[in-house]
Amino acid sequence: MFKKLLLPAALLCVSGLAGGGETRIIEEALELSGHQVQLPSSAGGNLYLRRCAECAPERFRLGSTAAFFVGQRPVSLSELRLATRSSSPVYVFYHAQEGHVTRIIIGRSNTGMVKDER
């Protein structure tokens, strides 16, 4: 069920051309199911996820500024933990270079992201 999400190419191209520099990916995202994600009990802890059933768990730092959403509604970390029990997809967004989680969305993602179905 692992799908990698990418920022819209047009937005990246415009930002690269506007600044005259090279285009860089700042944020990446993963689409997972709730059983693939283990959330920390408090902000600032570590999130663990498995990209596949046989994959080793990966650790991501959950920064104190990370945002949590169920659909488009902002929620607390404790509310998010309850929502991972649903069958809705979990989108984990993280900083590409630093690896810390920037936001987590459960449910339909209205992010304008383009899905890479590989």
PDB file of N, CA and C in Angstrom:
ATOM      1  N   MET A   1       0.812  -1.190   0.000  1.00  0.00           N
ATOM      2  CA  MET A   1       0.000   0.000   0.000  1.00  0.00           C
ATOM      3  C   MET A   1       0.858   1.256   0.000  1.00  0.00           C
ATOM      4  N   PHE A   2       2.146   1.071   0.062  1.00  0.00           N
ATOM      5  CA  PHE A   2       3.044   2.226   0.113  1.00  0.00           C
ATOM      6  C   PHE A   2       2.989   2.989  -1.199  1.00  0.00           C
ATOM      7  N   LYS A   3       2.767   4.258  -1.109  1.00  0.00           N
ATOM      8  CA  LYS A   3       2.787   5.146  -2.267  1.00  0.00           C
ATOM      9  C   LYS A   3       3.565   6.376  -1.867  1.00  0.00           C
ATOM     10  N   LYS A   4       4.433   6.808  -2.724  1.00  0.00           N
ATOM     11  CA  LYS A   4       5.185   8.031  -2.437  1.00  0.00           C
ATOM     12  C   LYS A   4       4.461   9.191  -3.095  1.00  0.00           C
ATOM     13  N   LEU A   5       4.362  10.278  -2.388  1.00  0.00           N
ATOM     14  CA  LEU A   5       3.698  11.462  -2.902  1.00  0.00           C
ATOM     15  C   LEU A   5       4.752  12.502  -3.214  1.00  0.00           C
ATOM     16  N   LEU A   6       4.547  13.207  -4.286  1.00  0.00           N
ATOM     17  CA  LEU A   6       5.506  14.229  -4.697  1.00  0.00           C
ATOM     18  C   LEU A   6       4.818  15.574  -4.814  1.00  0.00           C
ATOM     19  N   LEU A   7       5.544  16.642  -4.579  1.00  0.00           N
ATOM     20  CA  LEU A   7       5.003  17.989  -4.768  1.00  0.00           C
ATOM     21  C   LEU A   7       4.675  18.196  -6.235  1.00  0.00           C
ATOM     22  N   PRO A   8       3.676  19.006  -6.535  1.00  0.00           N
ATOM     23  CA  PRO A   8       3.341  19.244  -7.941  1.00  0.00           C
ATOM     24  C   PRO A   8       4.547  19.779  -8.708  1.00  0.00           C
ATOM     25  N   ALA A   9       4.820  19.174  -9.842  1.00  0.00           N
ATOM     26  CA  ALA A   9       5.985  19.549 -10.645  1.00  0.00           C
ATOM     27  C   ALA A   9       5.937  21.003 -11.082  1.00  0.00           C
ATOM     28  N   ALA A  10       4.760  21.477 -11.419  1.00  0.00           N
ATOM     29  CA  ALA A  10       4.656  22.868 -11.873  1.00  0.00           C
ATOM     30  C   ALA A  10       5.083  23.833 -10.774  1.00  0.00           C
ATOM     31  N   LEU A  11       4.668  23.567  -9.547  1.00  0.00           N
ATOM     32  CA  LEU A  11       5.031  24.435  -8.434  1.00  0.00           C
ATOM     33  C   LEU A  11       6.542  24.425  -8.215  1.00  0.00           C
ATOM     34  N   LEU A  12       7.154  23.266  -8.310  1.00  0.00           N
ATOM     35  CA  LEU A  12       8.602  23.175  -8.140  1.00  0.00           C
ATOM     36  C   LEU A  12       9.334  23.931  -9.244  1.00  0.00           C
ATOM     37  N   CYS A  13       8.863  23.786 -10.466  1.00  0.00           N
ATOM     38  CA  CYS A  13       9.520  24.472 -11.588  1.00  0.00           C
ATOM     39  C   CYS A  13       9.425  25.982 -11.439  1.00  0.00           C
ATOM     40  N   VAL A  14       8.250  26.467 -11.057  1.00  0.00           N
ATOM     41  CA  VAL A  14       8.065  27.907 -10.896  1.00  0.00           C
ATOM     42  C   VAL A  14       8.986  28.424  -9.798  1.00  0.00           C
ATOM     43  N   SER A  15       9.072  27.718  -8.674  1.00  0.00           N
ATOM     44  CA  SER A  15       9.922  28.189  -7.578  1.00  0.00           C
ATOM     45  C   SER A  15      11.389  28.159  -7.989  1.00  0.00           C
ATOM     46  N   GLY A  16      11.784  27.174  -8.783  1.00  0.00           N
ATOM     47  CA  GLY A  16      13.175  27.105  -9.245  1.00  0.00           C
ATOM     48  C   GLY A  16      13.493  28.208 -10.232  1.00  0.00           C
ATOM     49  N   LEU A  17      12.567  28.506 -11.127  1.00  0.00           N
ATOM     50  CA  LEU A  17      12.800  29.546 -12.120  1.00  0.00           C
ATOM     51  C   LEU A  17      12.756  30.931 -11.502  1.00  0.00           C
ATOM     52  N   ALA A  18      11.859  31.127 -10.551  1.00  0.00           N
ATOM     53  CA  ALA A  18      11.717  32.450  -9.942  1.00  0.00           C
ATOM     54  C   ALA A  18      12.976  32.860  -9.191  1.00  0.00           C
ATOM     55  N   GLY A  19      13.615  31.908  -8.534  1.00  0.00           N
ATOM     56  CA  GLY A  19      14.801  32.221  -7.763  1.00  0.00           C
ATOM     57  C   GLY A  19      16.069  32.121  -8.587  1.00  0.00           C
ATOM     58  N   GLY A  20      15.977  31.628  -9.794  1.00  0.00           N
ATOM     59  CA  GLY A  20      17.138  31.488 -10.649  1.00  0.00           C
ATOM     60  C   GLY A  20      18.049  30.346 -10.239  1.00  0.00           C
ATOM     61  N   GLY A  21      17.679  29.598  -9.204  1.00  0.00           N
ATOM     62  CA  GLY A  21      18.509  28.496  -8.732  1.00  0.00           C
ATOM     63  C   GLY A  21      17.957  27.163  -9.165  1.00  0.00           C
ATOM     64  N   GLU A  22      18.565  26.133  -8.646  1.00  0.00           N
ATOM     65  CA  GLU A  22      18.105  24.794  -8.990  1.00  0.00           C
ATOM     66  C   GLU A  22      16.871  24.428  -8.179  1.00  0.00           C
ATOM     67  N   THR A  23      16.093  23.514  -8.706  1.00  0.00           N
ATOM     68  CA  THR A  23      14.898  23.052  -8.031  1.00  0.00           C
ATOM     69  C   THR A  23      15.294  22.019  -6.985  1.00  0.00           C
ATOM     70  N   ARG A  24      14.718  22.137  -5.773  1.00  0.00           N
ATOM     71  CA  ARG A  24      15.007  21.169  -4.727  1.00  0.00           C
ATOM     72  C   ARG A  24      13.702  20.679  -4.116  1.00  0.00           C
ATOM     73  N   ILE A  25      13.718  19.464  -3.657  1.00  0.00           N
ATOM     74  CA  ILE A  25      12.572  18.915  -2.948  1.00  0.00           C
ATOM     75  C   ILE A  25      12.778  19.225  -1.474  1.00  0.00           C
ATOM     76  N   ILE A  26      11.821  19.923  -0.884  1.00  0.00           N
ATOM     77  CA  ILE A  26      11.921  20.329   0.511  1.00  0.00           C
ATOM     78  C   ILE A  26      11.186  19.337   1.412  1.00  0.00           C
ATOM     79  N   GLU A  27      10.041  18.869   0.953  1.00  0.00           N
ATOM     80  CA  GLU A  27       9.212  17.996   1.763  1.00  0.00           C
ATOM     81  C   GLU A  27       8.809  16.770   0.955  1.00  0.00           C
ATOM     82  N   GLU A  28       8.803  15.625   1.606  1.00  0.00           N
ATOM     83  CA  GLU A  28       8.339  14.395   0.985  1.00  0.00           C
ATOM     84  C   GLU A  28       7.213  13.838   1.840  1.00  0.00           C
ATOM     85  N   ALA A  29       6.465  12.879   1.289  1.00  0.00           N
ATOM     86  CA  ALA A  29       5.346  12.312   2.029  1.00  0.00           C
ATOM     87  C   ALA A  29       5.191  10.833   1.719  1.00  0.00           C
ATOM     88  N   LEU A  30       4.631  10.123   2.663  1.00  0.00           N
ATOM     89  CA  LEU A  30       4.323   8.709   2.510  1.00  0.00           C
ATOM     90  C   LEU A  30       2.837   8.503   2.764  1.00  0.00           C
ATOM     91  N   GLU A  31       2.222   7.620   1.990  1.00  0.00           N
ATOM     92  CA  GLU A  31       0.842   7.234   2.234  1.00  0.00           C
ATOM     93  C   GLU A  31       0.881   5.829   2.805  1.00  0.00           C
ATOM     94  N   LEU A  32       0.350   5.663   4.001  1.00  0.00           N
ATOM     95  CA  LEU A  32       0.415   4.392   4.709  1.00  0.00           C
ATOM     96  C   LEU A  32      -0.953   4.046   5.273  1.00  0.00           C
ATOM     97  N   SER A  33      -1.085   2.842   5.788  1.00  0.00           N
ATOM     98  CA  SER A  33      -2.295   2.493   6.532  1.00  0.00           C
ATOM     99  C   SER A  33      -1.987   2.668   8.017  1.00  0.00           C
ATOM    100  N   GLY A  34      -3.003   2.738   8.833  1.00  0.00           N
ATOM    101  CA  GLY A  34      -2.825   2.973  10.261  1.00  0.00           C
ATOM    102  C   GLY A  34      -1.946   1.944  10.949  1.00  0.00           C
ATOM    103  N   HIS A  35      -2.009   0.677  10.515  1.00  0.00           N
ATOM    104  CA  HIS A  35      -1.195  -0.346  11.177  1.00  0.00           C
ATOM    105  C   HIS A  35       0.293  -0.249  10.812  1.00  0.00           C
ATOM    106  N   GLN A  36       0.634   0.579   9.835  1.00  0.00           N
ATOM    107  CA  GLN A  36       2.037   0.762   9.453  1.00  0.00           C
ATOM    108  C   GLN A  36       2.707   1.886  10.234  1.00  0.00           C
ATOM    109  N   VAL A  37       1.937   2.626  11.037  1.00  0.00           N
ATOM    110  CA  VAL A  37       2.443   3.806  11.729  1.00  0.00           C
ATOM    111  C   VAL A  37       2.289   3.634  13.236  1.00  0.00           C
ATOM    112  N   GLN A  38       3.357   3.922  13.974  1.00  0.00           N
ATOM    113  CA  GLN A  38       3.300   3.942  15.435  1.00  0.00           C
ATOM    114  C   GLN A  38       3.628   5.364  15.881  1.00  0.00           C
ATOM    115  N   LEU A  39       2.611   6.051  16.393  1.00  0.00           N
ATOM    116  CA  LEU A  39       2.778   7.438  16.830  1.00  0.00           C
ATOM    117  C   LEU A  39       3.348   7.499  18.239  1.00  0.00           C
ATOM    118  N   PRO A  40       4.101   8.556  18.536  1.00  0.00           N
ATOM    119  CA  PRO A  40       4.614   8.711  19.899  1.00  0.00           C
ATOM    120  C   PRO A  40       3.495   9.128  20.856  1.00  0.00           C
ATOM    121  N   SER A  41       3.747   9.005  22.134  1.00  0.00           N
ATOM    122  CA  SER A  41       2.741   9.403  23.114  1.00  0.00           C
ATOM    123  C   SER A  41       2.736  10.908  23.336  1.00  0.00           C
ATOM    124  N   SER A  42       3.824  11.598  22.950  1.00  0.00           N
ATOM    125  CA  SER A  42       3.877  13.050  23.111  1.00  0.00           C
ATOM    126  C   SER A  42       4.661  13.685  21.964  1.00  0.00           C
ATOM    127  N   ALA A  43       4.369  14.967  21.704  1.00  0.00           N
ATOM    128  CA  ALA A  43       5.101  15.701  20.670  1.00  0.00           C
ATOM    129  C   ALA A  43       6.579  15.752  21.056  1.00  0.00           C
ATOM    130  N   GLY A  44       7.431  15.701  20.077  1.00  0.00           N
ATOM    131  CA  GLY A  44       8.867  15.695  20.331  1.00  0.00           C
ATOM    132  C   GLY A  44       9.422  14.286  20.412  1.00  0.00           C
ATOM    133  N   GLY A  45       8.539  13.281  20.381  1.00  0.00           N
ATOM    134  CA  GLY A  45       8.976  11.883  20.414  1.00  0.00           C
ATOM    135  C   GLY A  45       9.301  11.382  19.025  1.00  0.00           C
ATOM    136  N   ASN A  46       9.394  10.086  18.895  1.00  0.00           N
ATOM    137  CA  ASN A  46       9.706   9.468  17.611  1.00  0.00           C
ATOM    138  C   ASN A  46       8.508   8.733  17.051  1.00  0.00           C
ATOM    139  N   LEU A  47       8.310   8.864  15.758  1.00  0.00           N
ATOM    140  CA  LEU A  47       7.284   8.142  15.022  1.00  0.00           C
ATOM    141  C   LEU A  47       7.997   6.990  14.331  1.00  0.00           C
ATOM    142  N   TYR A  48       7.423   5.798  14.372  1.00  0.00           N
ATOM    143  CA  TYR A  48       7.986   4.650  13.678  1.00  0.00           C
ATOM    144  C   TYR A  48       7.003   4.217  12.607  1.00  0.00           C
ATOM    145  N   LEU A  49       7.531   3.866  11.446  1.00  0.00           N
ATOM    146  CA  LEU A  49       6.666   3.382  10.376  1.00  0.00           C
ATOM    147  C   LEU A  49       7.353   2.255   9.623  1.00  0.00           C
ATOM    148  N   ARG A  50       6.531   1.431   9.015  1.00  0.00           N
ATOM    149  CA  ARG A  50       7.006   0.339   8.160  1.00  0.00           C
ATOM    150  C   ARG A  50       6.422   0.569   6.770  1.00  0.00           C
ATOM    151  N   ARG A  51       7.304   0.651   5.786  1.00  0.00           N
ATOM    152  CA  ARG A  51       6.845   0.870   4.412  1.00  0.00           C
ATOM    153  C   ARG A  51       6.177  -0.372   3.841  1.00  0.00           C
ATOM    154  N   CYS A  52       6.515  -1.547   4.375  1.00  0.00           N
ATOM    155  CA  CYS A  52       5.886  -2.799   3.954  1.00  0.00           C
ATOM    156  C   CYS A  52       5.917  -3.761   5.137  1.00  0.00           C
ATOM    157  N   ALA A  53       5.182  -4.866   5.048  1.00  0.00           N
ATOM    158  CA  ALA A  53       5.096  -5.819   6.158  1.00  0.00           C
ATOM    159  C   ALA A  53       6.458  -6.408   6.517  1.00  0.00           C
ATOM    160  N   GLU A  54       7.314  -6.630   5.526  1.00  0.00           N
ATOM    161  CA  GLU A  54       8.624  -7.220   5.761  1.00  0.00           C
ATOM    162  C   GLU A  54       9.700  -6.180   6.045  1.00  0.00           C
ATOM    163  N   CYS A  55       9.401  -4.919   5.853  1.00  0.00           N
ATOM    164  CA  CYS A  55      10.388  -3.842   6.022  1.00  0.00           C
ATOM    165  C   CYS A  55      10.694  -3.593   7.490  1.00  0.00           C
ATOM    166  N   ALA A  56      11.934  -3.221   7.752  1.00  0.00           N
ATOM    167  CA  ALA A  56      12.328  -2.827   9.101  1.00  0.00           C
ATOM    168  C   ALA A  56      11.673  -1.490   9.434  1.00  0.00           C
ATOM    169  N   PRO A  57      11.344  -1.257  10.703  1.00  0.00           N
ATOM    170  CA  PRO A  57      10.754   0.034  11.068  1.00  0.00           C
ATOM    171  C   PRO A  57      11.745   1.176  10.850  1.00  0.00           C
ATOM    172  N   GLU A  58      11.222   2.300  10.402  1.00  0.00           N
ATOM    173  CA  GLU A  58      12.028   3.510  10.233  1.00  0.00           C
ATOM    174  C   GLU A  58      11.607   4.502  11.305  1.00  0.00           C
ATOM    175  N   ARG A  59      12.566   5.259  11.812  1.00  0.00           N
ATOM    176  CA  ARG A  59      12.287   6.234  12.866  1.00  0.00           C
ATOM    177  C   ARG A  59      12.337   7.647  12.286  1.00  0.00           C
ATOM    178  N   PHE A  60      11.327   8.439  12.610  1.00  0.00           N
ATOM    179  CA  PHE A  60      11.270   9.846  12.231  1.00  0.00           C
ATOM    180  C   PHE A  60      11.030  10.663  13.498  1.00  0.00           C
ATOM    181  N   ARG A  61      11.704  11.767  13.624  1.00  0.00           N
ATOM    182  CA  ARG A  61      11.520  12.659  14.764  1.00  0.00           C
ATOM    183  C   ARG A  61      10.248  13.487  14.556  1.00  0.00           C
ATOM    184  N   LEU A  62       9.439  13.555  15.580  1.00  0.00           N
ATOM    185  CA  LEU A  62       8.205  14.335  15.526  1.00  0.00           C
ATOM    186  C   LEU A  62       8.476  15.647  16.249  1.00  0.00           C
ATOM    187  N   GLY A  63       8.693  16.709  15.485  1.00  0.00           N
ATOM    188  CA  GLY A  63       9.009  18.005  16.067  1.00  0.00           C
ATOM    189  C   GLY A  63       7.840  18.617  16.813  1.00  0.00           C
ATOM    190  N   SER A  64       8.136  19.556  17.677  1.00  0.00           N
ATOM    191  CA  SER A  64       7.083  20.212  18.466  1.00  0.00           C
ATOM    192  C   SER A  64       6.180  21.085  17.599  1.00  0.00           C
ATOM    193  N   THR A  65       6.614  21.411  16.377  1.00  0.00           N
ATOM    194  CA  THR A  65       5.793  22.240  15.483  1.00  0.00           C
ATOM    195  C   THR A  65       4.995  21.413  14.480  1.00  0.00           C
ATOM    196  N   ALA A  66       5.073  20.095  14.558  1.00  0.00           N
ATOM    197  CA  ALA A  66       4.328  19.236  13.631  1.00  0.00           C
ATOM    198  C   ALA A  66       2.828  19.479  13.788  1.00  0.00           C
ATOM    199  N   ALA A  67       2.129  19.476  12.666  1.00  0.00           N
ATOM    200  CA  ALA A  67       0.678  19.697  12.654  1.00  0.00           C
ATOM    201  C   ALA A  67      -0.032  18.381  12.384  1.00  0.00           C
ATOM    202  N   PHE A  68      -1.208  18.205  12.988  1.00  0.00           N
ATOM    203  CA  PHE A  68      -1.982  16.975  12.848  1.00  0.00           C
ATOM    204  C   PHE A  68      -3.384  17.304  12.359  1.00  0.00           C
ATOM    205  N   PHE A  69      -3.866  16.500  11.409  1.00  0.00           N
ATOM    206  CA  PHE A  69      -5.186  16.733  10.829  1.00  0.00           C
ATOM    207  C   PHE A  69      -5.917  15.411  10.645  1.00  0.00           C
ATOM    208  N   VAL A  70      -7.219  15.453  10.848  1.00  0.00           N
ATOM    209  CA  VAL A  70      -8.105  14.379  10.413  1.00  0.00           C
ATOM    210  C   VAL A  70      -8.943  15.021   9.327  1.00  0.00           C
ATOM    211  N   GLY A  71      -8.691  14.613   8.089  1.00  0.00           N
ATOM    212  CA  GLY A  71      -9.251  15.329   6.949  1.00  0.00           C
ATOM    213  C   GLY A  71      -8.634  16.712   6.924  1.00  0.00           C
ATOM    214  N   GLN A  72      -9.450  17.755   6.930  1.00  0.00           N
ATOM    215  CA  GLN A  72      -8.936  19.127   6.951  1.00  0.00           C
ATOM    216  C   GLN A  72      -9.018  19.750   8.339  1.00  0.00           C
ATOM    217  N   ARG A  73      -9.480  18.980   9.327  1.00  0.00           N
ATOM    218  CA  ARG A  73      -9.679  19.508  10.679  1.00  0.00           C
ATOM    219  C   ARG A  73      -8.419  19.320  11.522  1.00  0.00           C
ATOM    220  N   PRO A  74      -7.857  20.401  12.056  1.00  0.00           N
ATOM    221  CA  PRO A  74      -6.707  20.280  12.958  1.00  0.00           C
ATOM    222  C   PRO A  74      -7.111  19.530  14.230  1.00  0.00           C
ATOM    223  N   VAL A  75      -6.246  18.619  14.688  1.00  0.00           N
ATOM    224  CA  VAL A  75      -6.524  17.834  15.897  1.00  0.00           C
ATOM    225  C   VAL A  75      -5.275  17.773  16.769  1.00  0.00           C
ATOM    226  N   SER A  76      -5.451  17.317  17.989  1.00  0.00           N
ATOM    227  CA  SER A  76      -4.323  17.101  18.899  1.00  0.00           C
ATOM    228  C   SER A  76      -3.681  15.754  18.579  1.00  0.00           C
ATOM    229  N   LEU A  77      -2.516  15.514  19.133  1.00  0.00           N
ATOM    230  CA  LEU A  77      -1.830  14.234  18.923  1.00  0.00           C
ATOM    231  C   LEU A  77      -2.659  13.082  19.482  1.00  0.00           C
ATOM    232  N   SER A  78      -3.309  13.280  20.610  1.00  0.00           N
ATOM    233  CA  SER A  78      -4.128  12.201  21.183  1.00  0.00           C
ATOM    234  C   SER A  78      -5.329  11.876  20.283  1.00  0.00           C
ATOM    235  N   GLU A  79      -5.945  12.899  19.686  1.00  0.00           N
ATOM    236  CA  GLU A  79      -7.045  12.659  18.736  1.00  0.00           C
ATOM    237  C   GLU A  79      -6.531  11.945  17.492  1.00  0.00           C
ATOM    238  N   LEU A  80      -5.345  12.326  17.051  1.00  0.00           N
ATOM    239  CA  LEU A  80      -4.744  11.684  15.879  1.00  0.00           C
ATOM    240  C   LEU A  80      -4.491  10.208  16.161  1.00  0.00           C
ATOM    241  N   ARG A  81      -3.993   9.898  17.357  1.00  0.00           N
ATOM    242  CA  ARG A  81      -3.728   8.501  17.728  1.00  0.00           C
ATOM    243  C   ARG A  81      -5.002   7.667  17.621  1.00  0.00           C
ATOM    244  N   LEU A  82      -6.129   8.208  18.064  1.00  0.00           N
ATOM    245  CA  LEU A  82      -7.404   7.486  17.964  1.00  0.00           C
ATOM    246  C   LEU A  82      -7.809   7.283  16.508  1.00  0.00           C
ATOM    247  N   ALA A  83      -7.571   8.293  15.679  1.00  0.00           N
ATOM    248  CA  ALA A  83      -7.979   8.228  14.269  1.00  0.00           C
ATOM    249  C   ALA A  83      -7.159   7.216  13.468  1.00  0.00           C
ATOM    250  N   THR A  84      -5.949   6.865  13.909  1.00  0.00           N
ATOM    251  CA  THR A  84      -5.143   5.884  13.166  1.00  0.00           C
ATOM    252  C   THR A  84      -5.769   4.499  13.225  1.00  0.00           C
ATOM    253  N   ARG A  85      -6.714   4.295  14.108  1.00  0.00           N
ATOM    254  CA  ARG A  85      -7.394   2.998  14.219  1.00  0.00           C
ATOM    255  C   ARG A  85      -8.407   2.786  13.105  1.00  0.00           C
ATOM    256  N   SER A  86      -8.734   3.843  12.378  1.00  0.00           N
ATOM    257  CA  SER A  86      -9.695   3.727  11.284  1.00  0.00           C
ATOM    258  C   SER A  86      -9.027   3.100  10.066  1.00  0.00           C
ATOM    259  N   SER A  87      -9.797   2.856   9.041  1.00  0.00           N
ATOM    260  CA  SER A  87      -9.241   2.288   7.811  1.00  0.00           C
ATOM    261  C   SER A  87      -8.769   3.368   6.835  1.00  0.00           C
ATOM    262  N   SER A  88      -8.816   4.620   7.278  1.00  0.00           N
ATOM    263  CA  SER A  88      -8.404   5.737   6.417  1.00  0.00           C
ATOM    264  C   SER A  88      -6.892   5.745   6.222  1.00  0.00           C
ATOM    265  N   PRO A  89      -6.429   6.236   5.068  1.00  0.00           N
ATOM    266  CA  PRO A  89      -4.981   6.334   4.850  1.00  0.00           C
ATOM    267  C   PRO A  89      -4.352   7.376   5.772  1.00  0.00           C
ATOM    268  N   VAL A  90      -3.078   7.159   6.075  1.00  0.00           N
ATOM    269  CA  VAL A  90      -2.300   8.072   6.903  1.00  0.00           C
ATOM    270  C   VAL A  90      -1.206   8.670   6.021  1.00  0.00           C
ATOM    271  N   TYR A  91      -1.183   9.989   5.921  1.00  0.00           N
ATOM    272  CA  TYR A  91      -0.166  10.687   5.132  1.00  0.00           C
ATOM    273  C   TYR A  91       0.837  11.303   6.099  1.00  0.00           C
ATOM    274  N   VAL A  92       2.094  10.878   5.983  1.00  0.00           N
ATOM    275  CA  VAL A  92       3.159  11.392   6.843  1.00  0.00           C
ATOM    276  C   VAL A  92       4.063  12.268   5.978  1.00  0.00           C
ATOM    277  N   PHE A  93       4.109  13.552   6.281  1.00  0.00           N
ATOM    278  CA  PHE A  93       4.938  14.509   5.547  1.00  0.00           C
ATOM    279  C   PHE A  93       6.187  14.781   6.374  1.00  0.00           C
ATOM    280  N   TYR A  94       7.346  14.766   5.712  1.00  0.00           N
ATOM    281  CA  TYR A  94       8.589  14.984   6.440  1.00  0.00           C
ATOM    282  C   TYR A  94       9.558  15.830   5.628  1.00  0.00           C
ATOM    283  N   HIS A  95      10.434  16.528   6.339  1.00  0.00           N
ATOM    284  CA  HIS A  95      11.449  17.371   5.710  1.00  0.00           C
ATOM    285  C   HIS A  95      12.448  16.456   5.011  1.00  0.00           C
ATOM    286  N   ALA A  96      12.677  16.684   3.722  1.00  0.00           N
ATOM    287  CA  ALA A  96      13.488  15.780   2.902  1.00  0.00           C
ATOM    288  C   ALA A  96      14.922  15.624   3.414  1.00  0.00           C
ATOM    289  N   GLN A  97      15.568  16.698   3.823  1.00  0.00           N
ATOM    290  CA  GLN A  97      16.968  16.606   4.259  1.00  0.00           C
ATOM    291  C   GLN A  97      17.094  16.257   5.747  1.00  0.00           C
ATOM    292  N   GLU A  98      16.274  16.860   6.573  1.00  0.00           N
ATOM    293  CA  GLU A  98      16.418  16.694   8.016  1.00  0.00           C
ATOM    294  C   GLU A  98      15.659  15.496   8.572  1.00  0.00           C
ATOM    295  N   GLY A  99      14.654  15.021   7.836  1.00  0.00           N
ATOM    296  CA  GLY A  99      13.927  13.823   8.232  1.00  0.00           C
ATOM    297  C   GLY A  99      12.914  13.994   9.347  1.00  0.00           C
ATOM    298  N   HIS A 100      12.644  15.215   9.817  1.00  0.00           N
ATOM    299  CA  HIS A 100      11.638  15.370  10.870  1.00  0.00           C
ATOM    300  C   HIS A 100      10.245  15.520  10.251  1.00  0.00           C
ATOM    301  N   VAL A 101       9.255  15.020  10.962  1.00  0.00           N
ATOM    302  CA  VAL A 101       7.871  15.058  10.505  1.00  0.00           C
ATOM    303  C   VAL A 101       7.333  16.480  10.626  1.00  0.00           C
ATOM    304  N   THR A 102       6.735  16.973   9.539  1.00  0.00           N
ATOM    305  CA  THR A 102       6.165  18.320   9.532  1.00  0.00           C
ATOM    306  C   THR A 102       4.656  18.305   9.754  1.00  0.00           C
ATOM    307  N   ARG A 103       3.979  17.262   9.254  1.00  0.00           N
ATOM    308  CA  ARG A 103       2.544  17.128   9.495  1.00  0.00           C
ATOM    309  C   ARG A 103       2.100  15.713   9.182  1.00  0.00           C
ATOM    310  N   ILE A 104       0.975  15.355   9.782  1.00  0.00           N
ATOM    311  CA  ILE A 104       0.353  14.050   9.550  1.00  0.00           C
ATOM    312  C   ILE A 104      -1.119  14.305   9.280  1.00  0.00           C
ATOM    313  N   ILE A 105      -1.617  13.705   8.206  1.00  0.00           N
ATOM    314  CA  ILE A 105      -3.022  13.847   7.839  1.00  0.00           C
ATOM    315  C   ILE A 105      -3.627  12.451   7.768  1.00  0.00           C
ATOM    316  N   ILE A 106      -4.760  12.274   8.409  1.00  0.00           N
ATOM    317  CA  ILE A 106      -5.482  11.001   8.330  1.00  0.00           C
ATOM    318  C   ILE A 106      -6.772  11.249   7.571  1.00  0.00           C
ATOM    319  N   GLY A 107      -7.026  10.376   6.604  1.00  0.00           N
ATOM    320  CA  GLY A 107      -8.221  10.517   5.790  1.00  0.00           C
ATOM    321  C   GLY A 107      -7.875  11.096   4.444  1.00  0.00           C
ATOM    322  N   ARG A 108      -8.885  11.507   3.741  1.00  0.00           N
ATOM    323  CA  ARG A 108      -8.674  12.071   2.412  1.00  0.00           C
ATOM    324  C   ARG A 108      -7.741  13.255   2.483  1.00  0.00           C
ATOM    325  N   SER A 109      -6.742  13.255   1.629  1.00  0.00           N
ATOM    326  CA  SER A 109      -5.788  14.362   1.618  1.00  0.00           C
ATOM    327  C   SER A 109      -6.151  15.332   0.511  1.00  0.00           C
ATOM    328  N   ASN A 110      -6.409  16.566   0.872  1.00  0.00           N
ATOM    329  CA  ASN A 110      -6.677  17.618  -0.104  1.00  0.00           C
ATOM    330  C   ASN A 110      -5.447  18.516  -0.184  1.00  0.00           C
ATOM    331  N   THR A 111      -4.325  17.899  -0.456  1.00  0.00           N
ATOM    332  CA  THR A 111      -3.055  18.641  -0.417  1.00  0.00           C
ATOM    333  C   THR A 111      -2.630  19.148  -1.769  1.00  0.00           C
ATOM    334  N   GLY A 112      -3.327  18.736  -2.839  1.00  0.00           N
ATOM    335  CA  GLY A 112      -2.877  19.122  -4.172  1.00  0.00           C
ATOM    336  C   GLY A 112      -1.658  18.333  -4.598  1.00  0.00           C
ATOM    337  N   MET A 113      -1.414  17.216  -3.924  1.00  0.00           N
ATOM    338  CA  MET A 113      -0.237  16.407  -4.217  1.00  0.00           C
ATOM    339  C   MET A 113      -0.516  15.521  -5.419  1.00  0.00           C
ATOM    340  N   VAL A 114       0.539  15.158  -6.107  1.00  0.00           N
ATOM    341  CA  VAL A 114       0.450  14.227  -7.227  1.00  0.00           C
ATOM    342  C   VAL A 114       0.954  12.887  -6.735  1.00  0.00           C
ATOM    343  N   LYS A 115       0.184  11.838  -6.935  1.00  0.00           N
ATOM    344  CA  LYS A 115       0.583  10.521  -6.461  1.00  0.00           C
ATOM    345  C   LYS A 115       1.445   9.819  -7.493  1.00  0.00           C
ATOM    346  N   ASP A 116       2.516   9.240  -7.038  1.00  0.00           N
ATOM    347  CA  ASP A 116       3.366   8.393  -7.855  1.00  0.00           C
ATOM    348  C   ASP A 116       2.919   6.965  -7.584  1.00  0.00           C
ATOM    349  N   GLU A 117       2.257   6.335  -8.509  1.00  0.00           N
ATOM    350  CA  GLU A 117       1.640   5.012  -8.314  1.00  0.00           C
ATOM    351  C   GLU A 117       2.596   3.858  -8.535  1.00  0.00           C
ATOM    352  N   ARG A 118       3.900   4.101  -8.501  1.00  0.00           N
ATOM    353  CA  ARG A 118       4.855   2.991  -8.711  1.00  0.00           C
ATOM    354  C   ARG A 118       4.693   1.912  -7.712  1.00  0.00           C
TER     355      ARG A 118
END
